[in-house]
Protein backbone atom coordinates (compact mmCIF):
# COMPACT_ATOMS: atom_id res chain seq x y z
CA MET A 1 119.52 110.64 69.55
CA THR A 2 121.20 113.60 71.37
CA GLU A 3 121.58 117.22 70.56
CA SER A 4 124.65 118.12 68.62
CA ASP A 5 127.39 119.74 70.44
CA GLN A 6 128.70 121.31 67.22
CA ARG A 7 126.76 124.45 67.08
CA HIS A 8 127.42 127.77 65.27
CA HIS A 9 127.61 130.70 67.52
CA ASP A 10 127.22 133.82 65.38
CA LYS A 11 125.69 132.72 62.15
CA PRO A 12 125.54 129.30 60.38
CA ALA A 13 127.61 130.30 57.32
CA GLY A 14 130.04 132.51 59.19
CA LEU A 15 131.96 129.73 60.91
CA SER A 16 134.93 128.54 58.88
CA ARG A 17 133.89 125.43 57.03
CA ARG A 18 137.35 123.81 57.29
CA ALA A 19 137.36 124.61 61.08
CA LEU A 20 134.06 122.97 61.53
CA VAL A 21 134.81 119.70 59.64
CA LYS A 22 138.32 119.42 61.10
CA ALA A 23 136.86 119.91 64.58
CA THR A 24 134.65 116.82 64.23
CA GLY A 25 136.11 115.06 61.17
CA LEU A 26 138.32 112.38 62.55
CA ALA A 27 135.90 111.40 65.26
CA ILE A 28 133.07 110.95 62.91
CA ALA A 29 134.99 109.60 59.88
CA GLY A 30 136.75 107.06 62.10
CA ALA A 31 133.73 105.74 63.83
CA ALA A 32 131.16 103.22 62.61
CA TRP A 33 127.93 105.05 61.84
CA PRO A 34 125.05 102.85 63.10
CA VAL A 35 122.33 104.12 60.70
CA ARG A 36 122.72 101.32 58.15
CA ALA A 37 123.99 98.54 60.30
CA ASP A 38 121.59 96.31 58.46
CA THR A 39 122.87 97.31 55.04
CA PRO A 40 126.07 97.04 53.68
CA GLY A 41 134.79 125.73 44.28
CA THR A 42 133.58 128.90 45.32
CA SER A 43 130.73 129.10 47.83
CA ALA A 44 127.82 127.16 46.35
CA ALA A 45 125.19 129.51 45.17
CA PRO A 46 121.64 129.05 46.50
CA ALA A 47 119.74 126.54 44.46
CA ASP A 48 116.98 127.83 42.32
CA ALA A 49 113.68 125.96 42.63
CA THR A 50 114.83 122.79 40.87
CA VAL A 51 115.18 119.29 42.18
CA ALA A 52 118.60 119.07 40.40
CA THR A 53 120.03 120.36 43.72
CA CYS A 54 118.75 117.22 45.54
CA PRO A 55 120.47 113.88 45.58
CA ARG A 56 122.05 112.64 42.36
CA PRO A 57 119.38 111.69 39.82
CA GLU A 58 120.13 108.00 40.00
CA ALA A 59 119.54 107.91 43.71
CA ARG A 60 115.85 107.39 44.40
CA LEU A 61 114.60 109.18 47.59
CA ARG A 62 113.52 106.61 50.15
CA PHE A 63 112.06 108.98 52.82
CA LEU A 64 112.20 112.64 51.94
CA HIS A 65 109.75 114.06 49.52
CA ALA A 66 111.31 116.15 46.64
CA ASP A 67 110.39 119.51 48.29
CA GLU A 68 111.77 118.38 51.71
CA ALA A 69 114.96 117.15 49.97
CA GLU A 70 115.27 120.57 48.29
CA PHE A 71 115.21 122.32 51.65
CA VAL A 72 117.57 119.91 53.27
CA THR A 73 120.00 120.26 50.35
CA ALA A 74 119.94 124.04 50.37
CA ALA A 75 120.20 124.26 54.17
CA SER A 76 123.06 121.76 54.50
CA ALA A 77 124.90 123.63 51.68
CA ARG A 78 124.87 126.75 54.01
CA LEU A 79 126.03 124.78 56.95
CA ILE A 80 128.98 123.34 55.01
CA PRO A 81 129.38 125.39 51.87
CA GLY A 82 131.91 124.70 49.22
CA ASP A 83 134.83 126.92 48.60
CA ALA A 84 137.73 127.32 46.34
CA ARG A 85 139.65 124.60 48.18
CA SER A 86 137.07 121.77 48.41
CA PRO A 87 133.42 120.96 47.79
CA GLY A 88 130.72 121.33 50.40
CA ALA A 89 127.64 119.40 51.60
CA ARG A 90 125.81 119.76 48.47
CA GLU A 91 128.54 118.10 46.37
CA ALA A 92 129.03 115.51 49.06
CA ASP A 93 125.36 114.48 48.53
CA VAL A 94 124.60 114.93 52.25
CA THR A 95 120.91 114.85 51.45
CA ARG A 96 121.13 111.28 50.26
CA PHE A 97 122.85 110.27 53.53
CA ILE A 98 120.10 111.95 55.62
CA ASP A 99 117.39 110.41 53.39
CA GLU A 100 118.96 106.93 53.82
CA ALA A 101 119.30 107.39 57.58
CA LEU A 102 115.68 108.43 58.00
CA ALA A 103 114.48 105.42 55.98
CA ALA A 104 116.70 103.05 58.08
CA PRO A 105 115.91 101.74 61.63
CA TRP A 106 117.67 104.83 63.16
CA GLY A 107 114.93 106.94 61.54
CA SER A 108 112.15 104.97 63.21
CA GLY A 109 113.86 105.33 66.54
CA GLU A 110 114.83 101.66 66.89
CA ARG A 111 117.03 102.46 69.89
CA LEU A 112 115.16 105.47 71.14
CA TYR A 113 112.73 105.45 74.03
CA THR A 114 109.51 107.20 73.01
CA SER A 115 106.80 105.83 75.37
CA GLY A 116 106.75 108.85 77.70
CA PRO A 117 105.99 110.59 79.93
CA TRP A 118 107.38 113.58 78.09
CA ARG A 119 108.52 116.38 80.34
CA PRO A 120 110.86 119.21 79.78
CA GLY A 121 114.37 118.05 80.63
CA THR A 122 117.63 119.65 81.43
CA PRO A 123 120.49 119.90 78.87
CA GLN A 124 122.32 117.10 80.73
CA GLN A 125 119.41 114.74 80.13
CA GLY A 126 119.73 114.97 76.41
CA TYR A 127 116.75 114.42 73.91
CA GLN A 128 113.34 114.45 75.74
CA LEU A 129 110.82 114.68 72.93
CA LYS A 130 108.36 112.03 71.77
CA PHE A 131 109.34 112.21 68.08
CA THR A 132 111.52 109.59 66.41
CA PRO A 133 114.17 111.12 64.02
CA ALA A 134 111.85 110.51 61.05
CA GLU A 135 108.84 112.04 62.76
CA LEU A 136 110.94 115.04 63.90
CA TYR A 137 112.21 115.73 60.36
CA ARG A 138 108.71 115.29 58.76
CA THR A 139 106.98 117.47 61.34
CA ALA A 140 109.51 120.27 61.22
CA LEU A 141 109.90 120.20 57.52
CA GLY A 142 106.05 120.18 57.05
CA VAL A 143 105.77 123.48 58.92
CA ILE A 144 108.67 125.02 57.10
CA LEU A 145 107.23 124.07 53.71
CA ARG A 146 103.76 125.36 54.69
CA GLN A 147 105.35 128.66 55.69
CA GLN A 148 107.25 128.79 52.40
CA GLU A 149 104.01 128.23 50.53
CA GLN A 150 102.23 130.92 52.37
CA SER A 151 105.08 133.47 51.83
CA GLY A 152 105.61 132.51 48.20
CA THR A 153 109.38 132.28 48.85
CA ARG A 154 111.27 129.00 49.01
CA PHE A 155 114.37 128.70 51.12
CA ALA A 156 116.29 127.31 48.14
CA GLY A 157 115.57 130.48 46.24
CA MET A 158 116.61 132.95 48.91
CA SER A 159 119.85 134.92 48.95
CA GLU A 160 122.67 133.34 50.95
CA ALA A 161 122.26 136.15 53.60
CA ASP A 162 118.53 135.48 53.95
CA GLN A 163 119.18 131.73 54.16
CA ASP A 164 121.73 132.34 56.99
CA ALA A 165 119.23 134.68 58.74
CA TYR A 166 116.54 131.93 58.62
CA LEU A 167 118.86 129.28 59.85
CA ARG A 168 119.90 131.53 62.71
CA ARG A 169 116.27 131.82 63.75
CA LEU A 170 115.99 128.09 63.75
CA GLU A 171 119.16 127.72 65.81
CA ASN A 172 118.05 130.27 68.36
CA GLY A 173 114.80 128.41 68.88
CA GLU A 174 112.63 131.24 67.63
CA LEU A 175 110.15 129.10 65.73
CA ASP A 176 107.60 126.49 66.88
CA LEU A 177 107.58 123.72 64.35
CA ASP A 178 104.36 122.05 65.44
CA GLY A 179 105.81 120.81 68.74
CA VAL A 180 109.35 120.55 67.57
CA PRO A 181 111.62 123.35 69.04
CA SER A 182 113.38 124.85 66.08
CA ASN A 183 116.73 124.71 67.86
CA VAL A 184 116.40 120.91 68.28
CA PHE A 185 115.60 120.47 64.56
CA PHE A 186 118.56 122.73 63.70
CA ASP A 187 120.98 120.79 65.92
CA LEU A 188 119.90 117.50 64.44
CA LEU A 189 120.17 118.86 60.87
CA LEU A 190 123.68 120.21 61.67
CA GLN A 191 124.73 116.94 63.35
CA ASN A 192 123.46 114.85 60.30
CA THR A 193 125.00 117.27 57.85
CA ILE A 194 128.44 116.80 59.42
CA GLU A 195 128.02 113.04 59.61
CA GLY A 196 126.86 112.88 56.00
CA TYR A 197 129.91 114.93 54.94
CA LEU A 198 132.42 112.82 56.82
CA SER A 199 131.00 109.23 57.21
CA ASP A 200 132.06 106.46 54.94
CA PRO A 201 130.56 106.76 51.45
CA ILE A 202 128.85 103.38 51.93
CA TYR A 203 126.22 105.19 53.92
CA GLY A 204 125.18 107.46 51.17
CA GLY A 205 127.06 110.66 51.69
CA ASN A 206 130.63 111.92 51.40
CA ARG A 207 130.40 111.40 47.67
CA ASP A 208 133.76 110.75 46.03
CA MET A 209 135.09 111.03 49.62
CA VAL A 210 135.25 114.88 49.22
CA GLY A 211 134.84 115.27 52.98
CA TRP A 212 137.81 113.06 53.75
CA LYS A 213 139.98 114.75 51.13
CA ALA A 214 139.02 118.16 52.66
CA ILE A 215 140.47 117.16 56.11
CA GLY A 216 143.27 114.94 54.81
CA PHE A 217 141.70 111.69 56.12
CA PRO A 218 143.12 108.49 54.41
CA GLY A 219 139.98 106.38 55.01
CA ALA A 220 137.72 104.94 57.73
CA PHE A 221 138.37 101.23 56.98
CA ALA A 222 140.94 99.59 59.31
CA ALA A 223 143.29 99.32 56.44
CA TRP A 224 146.30 101.07 57.91
CA TYR A 225 147.04 98.42 60.55
CA ASP A 226 150.52 97.88 59.22
CA LEU A 227 151.37 101.55 59.99
CA ALA A 228 150.02 101.69 63.54
CA ASP A 229 153.38 101.29 65.19
CA GLN A 230 155.27 103.59 62.83
CA HIS A 231 155.76 107.25 63.59
CA GLY A 232 156.38 110.43 61.49
CA ILE A 233 154.82 108.95 58.38
CA ASP A 234 153.59 111.39 55.82
CA LEU A 235 150.07 110.32 54.94
CA ASP A 236 149.34 113.12 52.48
CA GLU A 237 149.72 110.83 49.46
CA ARG A 238 147.39 108.24 50.90
CA ALA A 239 144.91 110.90 52.01
CA ALA A 240 144.70 112.17 48.44
CA SER A 241 143.09 108.83 47.47
CA PRO A 242 141.19 107.62 50.55
CA ILE A 243 140.02 104.09 50.97
CA SER A 244 136.37 103.46 51.87
CA ILE A 245 134.78 100.34 53.34
CA ALA A 246 133.32 99.41 49.89
CA ASP A 247 136.55 99.55 47.95
CA ALA A 248 138.99 98.35 50.57
CA ALA A 249 138.86 94.72 49.48
CA ALA A 250 139.28 95.60 45.89
CA SER A 251 142.24 97.75 46.70
CA GLY A 252 144.07 94.87 48.39
CA HIS A 253 143.62 96.22 51.88
CA HIS A 254 142.41 94.15 54.81
CA SER A 255 140.86 94.78 58.19
CA GLY A 256 142.92 95.11 61.34
CA MET A 257 141.79 91.61 62.37
CA ASP A 258 142.78 90.06 59.02
CA ALA A 259 146.27 91.62 59.33
CA ARG A 260 147.03 89.97 62.71
């Protein structure tokens, strides 16, 4: 687990959503996301205090508690808000992607060294904390939820401006989340939000492939092998109906290896 290099500089909601997803889109959408290797508008308004803003009702939460999912949903919706051109993180069901990831081996730190010693590191050394991703989320969210209870104001019920101000405090490392630097939590949440918005839908997010449609990506499956040596092809028509891993076979597409 490493800190995301995709950080907002002025305020979380101020950066152009399309600029953000286009800057990272093809790299993430075209790569295999290892979380589940074992298993096959206008700007969205802040949610009111309902779980309806969490993952789709038919999707049972595997790791996050309902109040944790509410925060993740509202926060990710400010990191990638919907607009008149395309939906955002809320509509892409990013919370479900994060929940599935945290419940999977990645969440338990399957490939993460956590035996110590734990000393402050340099930025070049990457992640240096003792927490697995699941522990980091649970610890940070626990503090955030306790603070909400004490203040009587839930993040999902704040105005967009207040939500942005709170996310900026997290990003700037102004809060101690019980041993988790708030900037580390913010970076991981931002990284996972982008991944959930742009990864193949088989991993739980990018519902209806709205992220791919937003950036004009025709699909992550290696189904365009026959076009690899052709140039100047207009893929707009294909990008309007992307192909995911799950529906590639049913659509008559094959992997690059099958096409050889």
